[in-house]
């Protein structure tokens, strides 16, 4: 029998799990282990550098492998530290895969959506890291499919990434699919390019970028279920 339930593609980091806390914890522990001073300014600079490198990946300028070590290479260059960026990446990735922190309302959101909707997880993260965090959070059972870009060979917002997702979901109907995520550059831009509805999770009320306007916007996760009922009734 054909499954006509709407499909909801959910991002993981800063949509379900609090990546900011996980990042700070893992980075602090990794740099401390390597004898590199860590403070709020180091974290701020890393955040800016890391975001810039992931956006270069999304634009097809650099590869995933380059992102992972070049961000630390750039950080060390800025703060004047002589340390191995590849070793830093190894420590950081191992520590990042440990534990999890839910965003407010995330567990309740998953419970509310599970059943009425077909859920799939769509992440640009590293496979081993996301596997560890998903297992720690105990959320795998909510999802019909889990799509991690490293394993798929394509990244959000590439159209190819979404085509692979759609092909793996039986009875897929683009008119009954929506992606929900916190990133304009990967989730919203990718969803728009793929021809599905988009919902921007924007709790900090950031300004939208031209050409990346979402179909819908929410600032709290408890607003998603009512929005979906409106979209798909």
Protein backbone atom coordinates (compact mmCIF):
# COMPACT_ATOMS: atom_id res chain seq x y z
CA UNK A 1 0.00 0.00 0.00
CA UNK A 2 1.28 3.45 -0.91
CA UNK A 3 2.41 5.57 2.04
CA UNK A 4 0.99 9.05 1.49
CA UNK A 5 2.11 10.58 4.77
CA UNK A 6 4.10 13.81 4.33
CA UNK A 7 7.87 13.46 4.52
CA UNK A 8 9.76 15.75 6.89
CA UNK A 9 13.51 16.06 6.36
CA UNK A 10 15.08 17.22 9.61
CA UNK A 11 18.55 18.65 10.04
CA UNK A 12 20.43 17.43 13.13
CA UNK A 13 22.87 20.07 14.37
CA UNK A 14 21.21 23.09 15.98
CA UNK A 15 17.83 21.79 14.85
CA UNK A 16 17.53 18.74 17.12
CA UNK A 17 20.82 18.60 19.02
CA UNK A 18 22.61 21.64 20.44
CA UNK A 19 25.79 21.68 18.40
CA UNK A 20 27.12 24.86 20.02
CA UNK A 21 27.50 23.18 23.42
CA UNK A 22 28.96 20.04 21.87
CA UNK A 23 31.41 22.07 19.81
CA UNK A 24 32.63 24.17 22.72
CA UNK A 25 33.07 21.11 24.95
CA UNK A 26 34.96 19.09 22.36
CA UNK A 27 37.13 22.00 21.21
CA UNK A 28 38.08 22.96 24.75
CA UNK A 29 39.08 19.40 25.60
CA UNK A 30 41.00 18.87 22.35
CA UNK A 31 43.00 22.09 22.55
CA UNK A 32 43.72 21.62 26.26
CA UNK A 33 45.04 18.13 25.54
CA UNK A 34 47.40 19.65 22.95
CA UNK A 35 48.54 22.46 25.23
CA UNK A 36 46.83 25.18 23.17
CA UNK A 37 45.27 28.00 25.23
CA UNK A 38 41.47 28.03 25.03
CA UNK A 39 39.19 30.94 25.91
CA UNK A 40 36.07 32.69 24.61
CA UNK A 41 38.03 34.61 21.99
CA UNK A 42 39.60 31.42 20.63
CA UNK A 43 36.12 29.89 20.40
CA UNK A 44 34.77 32.99 18.65
CA UNK A 45 37.56 32.96 16.08
CA UNK A 46 37.15 29.22 15.52
CA UNK A 47 33.39 29.61 14.99
CA UNK A 48 33.95 32.24 12.31
CA UNK A 49 36.69 30.25 10.58
CA UNK A 50 34.72 27.02 10.76
CA UNK A 51 31.59 28.61 9.29
CA UNK A 52 33.59 30.11 6.45
CA UNK A 53 35.12 26.74 5.58
CA UNK A 54 31.79 24.87 5.66
CA UNK A 55 30.27 27.51 3.38
CA UNK A 56 33.19 27.02 0.97
CA UNK A 57 32.35 23.31 0.99
CA UNK A 58 28.69 24.07 0.27
CA UNK A 59 29.80 26.26 -2.63
CA UNK A 60 32.03 23.49 -4.01
CA UNK A 61 35.28 25.41 -3.45
CA UNK A 62 36.98 22.92 -1.12
CA UNK A 63 36.43 19.29 -0.15
CA UNK A 64 35.17 17.87 3.14
CA UNK A 65 38.64 16.55 3.97
CA UNK A 66 40.09 20.02 3.47
CA UNK A 67 37.45 21.60 5.72
CA UNK A 68 38.31 19.32 8.61
CA UNK A 69 41.99 20.23 8.89
CA UNK A 70 42.17 23.61 7.14
CA UNK A 71 39.92 25.22 9.77
CA UNK A 72 42.46 24.35 12.48
CA UNK A 73 45.33 25.35 10.22
CA UNK A 74 43.71 28.79 9.81
CA UNK A 75 42.95 29.09 13.53
CA UNK A 76 46.54 28.34 14.54
CA UNK A 77 47.82 30.79 11.98
CA UNK A 78 45.61 33.55 13.41
CA UNK A 79 46.44 32.93 17.08
CA UNK A 80 50.12 32.27 16.42
CA UNK A 81 50.30 28.68 17.63
CA UNK A 82 52.47 25.91 16.19
CA UNK A 83 50.35 22.76 16.40
CA UNK A 84 49.43 19.91 14.06
CA UNK A 85 45.97 20.61 12.53
CA UNK A 86 45.53 16.97 11.50
CA UNK A 87 46.12 15.71 15.05
CA UNK A 88 43.79 18.41 16.38
CA UNK A 89 41.08 17.21 14.00
CA UNK A 90 41.50 13.62 15.20
CA UNK A 91 41.15 14.61 18.86
CA UNK A 92 38.27 17.00 18.18
CA UNK A 93 36.27 14.52 16.09
CA UNK A 94 36.63 11.77 18.68
CA UNK A 95 35.46 14.06 21.47
CA UNK A 96 32.63 15.56 19.41
CA UNK A 97 31.12 12.11 18.88
CA UNK A 98 30.70 11.66 22.65
CA UNK A 99 27.45 12.64 24.33
CA UNK A 100 24.65 14.93 23.24
CA UNK A 101 22.56 17.91 24.30
CA UNK A 102 18.98 18.35 23.06
CA UNK A 103 17.69 21.74 22.03
CA UNK A 104 14.65 22.92 24.03
CA UNK A 105 11.56 21.15 22.76
CA UNK A 106 13.42 18.76 20.46
CA UNK A 107 12.38 15.54 22.18
CA UNK A 108 8.76 16.66 22.35
CA UNK A 109 8.88 17.65 18.68
CA UNK A 110 10.10 14.22 17.61
CA UNK A 111 7.38 12.53 19.64
CA UNK A 112 4.72 14.77 18.09
CA UNK A 113 5.89 14.16 14.51
CA UNK A 114 6.60 10.44 14.82
CA UNK A 115 3.68 8.56 13.32
CA UNK A 116 1.73 11.27 11.47
CA UNK A 117 4.79 12.02 9.33
CA UNK A 118 7.61 10.10 7.71
CA UNK A 119 10.82 11.46 9.22
CA UNK A 120 14.28 11.44 7.67
CA UNK A 121 17.44 12.91 9.12
CA UNK A 122 19.62 14.99 6.76
CA UNK A 123 23.06 16.05 7.98
CA UNK A 124 26.24 17.44 6.48
CA UNK A 125 28.24 16.16 9.42
CA UNK A 126 30.96 13.53 9.53
CA UNK A 127 29.60 9.98 9.60
CA UNK A 128 31.45 8.72 12.70
CA UNK A 129 30.62 11.88 14.65
CA UNK A 130 26.94 11.83 13.76
CA UNK A 131 26.66 8.10 14.40
CA UNK A 132 28.01 8.62 17.92
CA UNK A 133 25.75 11.57 18.68
CA UNK A 134 22.62 9.90 17.27
CA UNK A 135 23.32 6.75 19.28
CA UNK A 136 23.97 8.75 22.44
CA UNK A 137 20.72 10.68 21.98
CA UNK A 138 18.74 7.50 21.26
CA UNK A 139 16.81 9.04 18.36
CA UNK A 140 17.52 6.70 15.45
CA UNK A 141 14.17 4.91 15.80
CA UNK A 142 12.27 8.06 14.90
CA UNK A 143 13.70 8.13 11.39
CA UNK A 144 12.83 6.07 8.35
CA UNK A 145 16.18 7.02 6.84
CA UNK A 146 19.32 8.78 8.06
CA UNK A 147 21.24 10.62 5.35
CA UNK A 148 24.75 11.75 6.32
CA UNK A 149 26.48 13.51 3.45
CA UNK A 150 29.90 11.93 3.94
CA UNK A 151 28.41 8.48 3.41
CA UNK A 152 26.30 9.61 0.44
CA UNK A 153 29.09 11.29 -1.48
CA UNK A 154 27.24 14.60 -1.82
CA UNK A 155 26.60 17.52 0.50
CA UNK A 156 23.70 19.84 1.20
CA UNK A 157 22.80 22.07 -0.66
CA UNK A 158 23.81 20.08 -3.77
CA UNK A 159 20.84 18.91 -5.81
CA UNK A 160 22.54 15.52 -6.07
CA UNK A 161 22.33 15.10 -2.29
CA UNK A 162 18.59 15.60 -2.34
CA UNK A 163 18.10 13.40 -5.38
CA UNK A 164 19.81 10.57 -3.50
CA UNK A 165 17.57 11.16 -0.48
CA UNK A 166 14.43 11.18 -2.59
CA UNK A 167 15.43 7.99 -4.42
CA UNK A 168 15.83 6.17 -1.10
CA UNK A 169 12.36 7.13 0.15
CA UNK A 170 9.59 4.93 -1.30
CA UNK A 171 6.48 6.71 -2.58
CA UNK A 172 8.31 10.03 -2.56
CA UNK A 173 6.19 13.01 -3.62
CA UNK A 174 7.99 16.39 -3.77
CA UNK A 175 4.68 18.15 -3.12
CA UNK A 176 4.39 16.36 0.21
CA UNK A 177 7.92 16.95 1.47
CA UNK A 178 9.49 19.71 3.55
CA UNK A 179 12.98 20.26 4.93
CA UNK A 180 13.43 21.85 8.35
CA UNK A 181 16.79 23.22 9.41
CA UNK A 182 18.70 26.12 10.89
CA UNK A 183 21.00 26.80 7.93
CA UNK A 184 19.98 29.07 5.10
CA UNK A 185 23.00 28.08 3.02
CA UNK A 186 22.58 24.31 3.24
CA UNK A 187 19.03 23.42 4.36
CA UNK A 188 16.97 26.22 2.85
CA UNK A 189 19.01 26.78 -0.30
CA UNK A 190 19.21 23.03 -0.84
CA UNK A 191 15.51 22.49 -0.36
CA UNK A 192 14.64 25.31 -2.73
CA UNK A 193 17.00 23.94 -5.38
CA UNK A 194 15.44 20.50 -4.96
CA UNK A 195 11.89 21.79 -5.41
CA UNK A 196 10.47 21.02 -1.97
CA UNK A 197 9.03 23.17 0.80
CA UNK A 198 11.45 24.74 3.26
CA UNK A 199 11.13 25.75 6.91
CA UNK A 200 13.86 27.77 8.57
CA UNK A 201 14.38 27.17 12.28
CA UNK A 202 15.57 30.60 13.37
CA UNK A 203 15.45 30.97 17.17
CA UNK A 204 17.93 33.86 17.15
CA UNK A 205 15.91 35.84 14.61
CA UNK A 206 18.72 36.26 12.14
CA UNK A 207 18.14 38.22 8.94
CA UNK A 208 17.27 36.21 5.86
CA UNK A 209 19.66 36.26 2.90
CA UNK A 210 18.56 37.31 -0.55
CA UNK A 211 17.85 34.27 -2.70
CA UNK A 212 17.52 31.97 0.33
CA UNK A 213 14.08 33.00 1.54
CA UNK A 214 12.31 30.03 3.18
CA UNK A 215 8.69 29.15 2.61
CA UNK A 216 8.14 29.13 6.38
CA UNK A 217 10.03 30.23 9.48
CA UNK A 218 9.73 29.21 13.13
CA UNK A 219 11.64 30.37 16.20
CA UNK A 220 10.66 27.50 18.52
CA UNK A 221 10.39 23.78 17.87
CA UNK A 222 6.93 23.48 19.41
CA UNK A 223 5.64 25.54 16.48
CA UNK A 224 6.62 22.94 13.91
CA UNK A 225 3.78 20.43 14.43
CA UNK A 226 1.03 23.08 14.03
CA UNK A 227 2.80 24.43 10.95
CA UNK A 228 2.96 20.99 9.34
CA UNK A 229 -0.73 20.37 10.00
CA UNK A 230 -1.45 23.62 8.17
CA UNK A 231 0.86 22.72 5.27
CA UNK A 232 -0.40 19.21 4.64
CA UNK A 233 -4.10 19.17 5.45
